[in-house]
Amino acid sequence: MSLDKAAVAKIAKLARLKLEPERQEAMTAELNTILSFVEELQAVKTDNVPPLTSVAPMKLRWREDVVNDGGDPEAVLRNAPGRQASFYTVPKVIE
C-alpha cells in the first residue's frame, strides 16, 4: 500500500492536524516507510509461535501462605489514630 499527498492531507484533516503543504512531501515518505515495514511484518509466519509475556524466561517465587497476627499486635496498635482495647477505632462514615 502506498499513500499519495492527497491521502496524507486527508489523514491529517481527519486527525485534526495542521500540515503545511511544504511538509506534506516528507510526511508522505515517512508514512510510506512505516506502511512498508508493517507489510514486512505481516509477511512473517507466526502460526506456530506461542504468545509471550516476556522475552526473558521468568519463574514466580512461591512462598507459604501463613496466617499470623503480625508478630507484635501492640506495636501495630501503637500506630492507630484511635484504639479501644485491642481494636482500631474509626469515625462513623454512614449515617
N, C-alpha and C. Protein backbone atom coordinates (compact mmCIF):
# COMPACT_ATOMS: atom_id res chain seq x y z
N MET A 1 0.85 -1.18 0.00
CA MET A 1 0.00 0.00 0.00
C MET A 1 0.89 1.24 0.00
N SER A 2 0.51 2.20 -0.79
CA SER A 2 1.27 3.43 -0.89
C SER A 2 0.32 4.61 -0.80
N LEU A 3 0.75 5.63 -0.11
CA LEU A 3 -0.06 6.84 0.06
C LEU A 3 0.46 7.95 -0.86
N ASP A 4 -0.45 8.78 -1.33
CA ASP A 4 -0.05 9.97 -2.08
C ASP A 4 -0.29 11.21 -1.22
N LYS A 5 0.06 12.38 -1.74
CA LYS A 5 -0.06 13.61 -0.95
C LYS A 5 -1.51 13.92 -0.59
N ALA A 6 -2.45 13.57 -1.46
CA ALA A 6 -3.86 13.84 -1.18
C ALA A 6 -4.35 12.96 -0.01
N ALA A 7 -3.90 11.70 0.03
CA ALA A 7 -4.30 10.82 1.13
C ALA A 7 -3.70 11.29 2.45
N VAL A 8 -2.47 11.76 2.42
CA VAL A 8 -1.83 12.28 3.63
C VAL A 8 -2.55 13.53 4.12
N ALA A 9 -2.96 14.38 3.19
CA ALA A 9 -3.69 15.58 3.58
C ALA A 9 -5.03 15.21 4.21
N LYS A 10 -5.70 14.19 3.68
CA LYS A 10 -6.98 13.75 4.24
C LYS A 10 -6.78 13.15 5.63
N ILE A 11 -5.73 12.34 5.79
CA ILE A 11 -5.43 11.76 7.10
C ILE A 11 -5.14 12.85 8.12
N ALA A 12 -4.38 13.85 7.71
CA ALA A 12 -4.07 14.97 8.62
C ALA A 12 -5.34 15.71 9.01
N LYS A 13 -6.24 15.89 8.05
CA LYS A 13 -7.50 16.58 8.36
C LYS A 13 -8.35 15.76 9.32
N LEU A 14 -8.44 14.45 9.09
CA LEU A 14 -9.21 13.58 9.97
C LEU A 14 -8.63 13.54 11.38
N ALA A 15 -7.29 13.64 11.47
CA ALA A 15 -6.62 13.64 12.77
C ALA A 15 -6.57 15.03 13.38
N ARG A 16 -7.14 15.99 12.66
CA ARG A 16 -7.17 17.39 13.11
C ARG A 16 -5.75 17.93 13.34
N LEU A 17 -4.88 17.61 12.40
CA LEU A 17 -3.51 18.11 12.43
C LEU A 17 -3.34 19.17 11.35
N LYS A 18 -2.64 20.22 11.69
CA LYS A 18 -2.34 21.24 10.70
C LYS A 18 -1.04 20.83 10.02
N LEU A 19 -1.15 20.53 8.74
CA LEU A 19 0.02 20.06 7.99
C LEU A 19 0.27 21.03 6.84
N GLU A 20 1.38 21.76 6.94
CA GLU A 20 1.71 22.73 5.90
C GLU A 20 2.03 22.00 4.60
N PRO A 21 1.72 22.63 3.46
CA PRO A 21 1.97 21.98 2.16
C PRO A 21 3.43 21.57 1.95
N GLU A 22 4.37 22.37 2.43
CA GLU A 22 5.79 22.01 2.24
C GLU A 22 6.19 20.81 3.09
N ARG A 23 5.42 20.45 4.08
CA ARG A 23 5.72 19.30 4.96
C ARG A 23 5.04 18.02 4.47
N GLN A 24 4.08 18.16 3.53
CA GLN A 24 3.33 17.00 3.05
C GLN A 24 4.22 15.96 2.35
N GLU A 25 5.17 16.43 1.57
CA GLU A 25 6.05 15.50 0.85
C GLU A 25 6.85 14.63 1.82
N ALA A 26 7.43 15.25 2.85
CA ALA A 26 8.21 14.49 3.82
C ALA A 26 7.32 13.54 4.62
N MET A 27 6.13 14.00 4.97
CA MET A 27 5.21 13.15 5.73
C MET A 27 4.75 11.96 4.90
N THR A 28 4.54 12.19 3.61
CA THR A 28 4.15 11.10 2.71
C THR A 28 5.24 10.03 2.67
N ALA A 29 6.48 10.46 2.57
CA ALA A 29 7.59 9.50 2.54
C ALA A 29 7.69 8.74 3.87
N GLU A 30 7.53 9.44 4.98
CA GLU A 30 7.61 8.78 6.28
C GLU A 30 6.50 7.75 6.46
N LEU A 31 5.27 8.13 6.12
CA LEU A 31 4.15 7.20 6.27
C LEU A 31 4.30 5.99 5.34
N ASN A 32 4.80 6.20 4.13
CA ASN A 32 5.03 5.08 3.22
C ASN A 32 6.10 4.13 3.75
N THR A 33 7.12 4.67 4.40
CA THR A 33 8.15 3.83 5.02
C THR A 33 7.55 2.99 6.14
N ILE A 34 6.71 3.60 6.96
CA ILE A 34 6.06 2.88 8.06
C ILE A 34 5.16 1.78 7.51
N LEU A 35 4.37 2.09 6.49
CA LEU A 35 3.47 1.10 5.91
C LEU A 35 4.23 -0.06 5.27
N SER A 36 5.35 0.22 4.63
CA SER A 36 6.13 -0.88 4.04
C SER A 36 6.72 -1.77 5.12
N PHE A 37 7.09 -1.20 6.26
CA PHE A 37 7.60 -2.01 7.37
C PHE A 37 6.48 -2.89 7.94
N VAL A 38 5.27 -2.35 8.05
CA VAL A 38 4.13 -3.14 8.53
C VAL A 38 3.84 -4.28 7.56
N GLU A 39 3.95 -4.05 6.27
CA GLU A 39 3.76 -5.11 5.28
C GLU A 39 4.80 -6.21 5.45
N GLU A 40 6.04 -5.83 5.76
CA GLU A 40 7.08 -6.84 6.02
C GLU A 40 6.74 -7.67 7.24
N LEU A 41 6.25 -7.01 8.28
CA LEU A 41 5.88 -7.74 9.50
C LEU A 41 4.73 -8.70 9.24
N GLN A 42 3.78 -8.32 8.40
CA GLN A 42 2.65 -9.18 8.11
C GLN A 42 3.07 -10.41 7.32
N ALA A 43 4.20 -10.35 6.63
CA ALA A 43 4.67 -11.49 5.85
C ALA A 43 5.30 -12.57 6.72
N VAL A 44 5.63 -12.25 7.96
CA VAL A 44 6.27 -13.23 8.85
C VAL A 44 5.24 -14.25 9.29
N LYS A 45 5.58 -15.54 9.18
CA LYS A 45 4.69 -16.61 9.59
C LYS A 45 4.81 -16.82 11.10
N THR A 46 3.70 -16.63 11.80
CA THR A 46 3.69 -16.77 13.26
C THR A 46 2.67 -17.81 13.72
N ASP A 47 2.30 -18.73 12.84
CA ASP A 47 1.27 -19.72 13.17
C ASP A 47 1.66 -20.60 14.35
N ASN A 48 2.89 -21.06 14.39
CA ASN A 48 3.32 -22.00 15.43
C ASN A 48 4.14 -21.35 16.53
N VAL A 49 4.02 -20.04 16.67
CA VAL A 49 4.78 -19.33 17.70
C VAL A 49 3.85 -19.07 18.89
N PRO A 50 4.22 -19.59 20.07
CA PRO A 50 3.35 -19.35 21.23
C PRO A 50 3.45 -17.90 21.69
N PRO A 51 2.36 -17.37 22.26
CA PRO A 51 2.40 -15.99 22.74
C PRO A 51 3.36 -15.85 23.92
N LEU A 52 3.98 -14.70 24.03
CA LEU A 52 4.95 -14.44 25.10
C LEU A 52 4.43 -13.37 26.05
N THR A 53 4.77 -13.50 27.31
CA THR A 53 4.54 -12.42 28.25
C THR A 53 5.82 -11.67 28.52
N SER A 54 6.94 -12.31 28.24
CA SER A 54 8.24 -11.69 28.43
C SER A 54 9.25 -12.41 27.54
N VAL A 55 10.26 -11.70 27.08
CA VAL A 55 11.28 -12.34 26.25
C VAL A 55 12.29 -13.09 27.10
N ALA A 56 12.39 -12.72 28.37
CA ALA A 56 13.29 -13.42 29.29
C ALA A 56 12.49 -14.44 30.08
N PRO A 57 13.01 -15.66 30.21
CA PRO A 57 12.26 -16.66 30.99
C PRO A 57 12.17 -16.25 32.45
N MET A 58 10.98 -16.31 33.01
CA MET A 58 10.78 -15.93 34.41
C MET A 58 10.03 -17.03 35.13
N LYS A 59 10.30 -17.13 36.39
CA LYS A 59 9.61 -18.10 37.21
C LYS A 59 9.17 -17.39 38.49
N LEU A 60 7.91 -17.58 38.86
CA LEU A 60 7.41 -16.95 40.07
C LEU A 60 8.00 -17.65 41.30
N ARG A 61 8.32 -16.85 42.29
CA ARG A 61 8.79 -17.41 43.55
C ARG A 61 7.60 -17.62 44.46
N TRP A 62 7.35 -18.85 44.82
CA TRP A 62 6.23 -19.16 45.69
C TRP A 62 6.67 -19.18 47.12
N ARG A 63 5.81 -18.78 48.02
CA ARG A 63 6.08 -18.85 49.44
C ARG A 63 4.87 -19.44 50.12
N GLU A 64 5.07 -19.95 51.29
CA GLU A 64 3.97 -20.50 52.06
C GLU A 64 3.01 -19.39 52.45
N ASP A 65 1.73 -19.64 52.33
CA ASP A 65 0.72 -18.68 52.72
C ASP A 65 0.37 -18.98 54.18
N VAL A 66 1.01 -18.24 55.07
CA VAL A 66 0.85 -18.49 56.50
C VAL A 66 0.10 -17.32 57.13
N VAL A 67 -0.94 -17.64 57.88
CA VAL A 67 -1.69 -16.62 58.60
C VAL A 67 -1.04 -16.41 59.95
N ASN A 68 -0.78 -15.13 60.27
CA ASN A 68 -0.21 -14.84 61.58
C ASN A 68 -0.78 -13.52 62.09
N ASP A 69 -0.46 -13.16 63.29
CA ASP A 69 -1.02 -11.95 63.89
C ASP A 69 -0.13 -10.73 63.68
N GLY A 70 0.85 -10.82 62.83
CA GLY A 70 1.74 -9.70 62.57
C GLY A 70 2.94 -9.67 63.50
N GLY A 71 2.98 -10.59 64.44
CA GLY A 71 4.14 -10.68 65.30
C GLY A 71 4.01 -9.90 66.58
N ASP A 72 3.62 -8.64 66.49
CA ASP A 72 3.55 -7.80 67.68
C ASP A 72 2.33 -6.88 67.57
N PRO A 73 1.15 -7.37 68.00
CA PRO A 73 -0.06 -6.55 67.85
C PRO A 73 0.00 -5.23 68.61
N GLU A 74 0.71 -5.20 69.70
CA GLU A 74 0.81 -3.96 70.47
C GLU A 74 1.55 -2.90 69.67
N ALA A 75 2.59 -3.28 68.95
CA ALA A 75 3.33 -2.33 68.11
C ALA A 75 2.46 -1.83 66.95
N VAL A 76 1.63 -2.71 66.39
CA VAL A 76 0.75 -2.32 65.30
C VAL A 76 -0.29 -1.33 65.81
N LEU A 77 -0.87 -1.60 66.96
CA LEU A 77 -1.91 -0.72 67.50
C LEU A 77 -1.36 0.62 67.96
N ARG A 78 -0.07 0.71 68.23
CA ARG A 78 0.54 2.00 68.58
C ARG A 78 0.43 2.99 67.44
N ASN A 79 0.33 2.50 66.21
CA ASN A 79 0.21 3.37 65.04
C ASN A 79 -1.22 3.83 64.79
N ALA A 80 -2.18 3.26 65.50
CA ALA A 80 -3.58 3.58 65.26
C ALA A 80 -3.90 4.99 65.76
N PRO A 81 -4.71 5.73 65.00
CA PRO A 81 -5.11 7.06 65.45
C PRO A 81 -6.02 6.98 66.68
N GLY A 82 -6.74 5.89 66.81
CA GLY A 82 -7.58 5.67 67.98
C GLY A 82 -7.72 4.19 68.22
N ARG A 83 -7.84 3.80 69.49
CA ARG A 83 -7.98 2.39 69.78
C ARG A 83 -8.85 2.19 71.00
N GLN A 84 -9.46 1.02 71.05
CA GLN A 84 -10.25 0.64 72.20
C GLN A 84 -9.92 -0.83 72.45
N ALA A 85 -9.32 -1.10 73.57
CA ALA A 85 -8.81 -2.44 73.91
C ALA A 85 -7.80 -2.85 72.84
N SER A 86 -8.07 -3.93 72.12
CA SER A 86 -7.11 -4.36 71.09
C SER A 86 -7.68 -4.17 69.69
N PHE A 87 -8.48 -3.11 69.50
CA PHE A 87 -9.10 -2.84 68.21
C PHE A 87 -8.83 -1.40 67.78
N TYR A 88 -8.80 -1.18 66.46
CA TYR A 88 -8.78 0.17 65.91
C TYR A 88 -10.15 0.80 66.11
N THR A 89 -10.20 2.10 66.36
CA THR A 89 -11.46 2.82 66.32
C THR A 89 -11.39 3.84 65.21
N VAL A 90 -12.45 3.89 64.43
CA VAL A 90 -12.50 4.82 63.30
C VAL A 90 -13.78 5.63 63.38
N PRO A 91 -13.80 6.81 62.79
CA PRO A 91 -15.02 7.62 62.84
C PRO A 91 -16.13 6.97 61.99
N LYS A 92 -17.36 7.22 62.41
CA LYS A 92 -18.52 6.71 61.70
C LYS A 92 -18.63 7.43 60.35
N VAL A 93 -18.83 6.68 59.27
CA VAL A 93 -18.91 7.29 57.95
C VAL A 93 -20.28 7.15 57.32
N ILE A 94 -21.14 6.32 57.88
CA ILE A 94 -22.50 6.15 57.35
C ILE A 94 -23.48 6.61 58.41
N GLU A 95 -24.40 7.46 58.05
CA GLU A 95 -25.40 7.96 59.00
C GLU A 95 -26.60 7.06 59.00
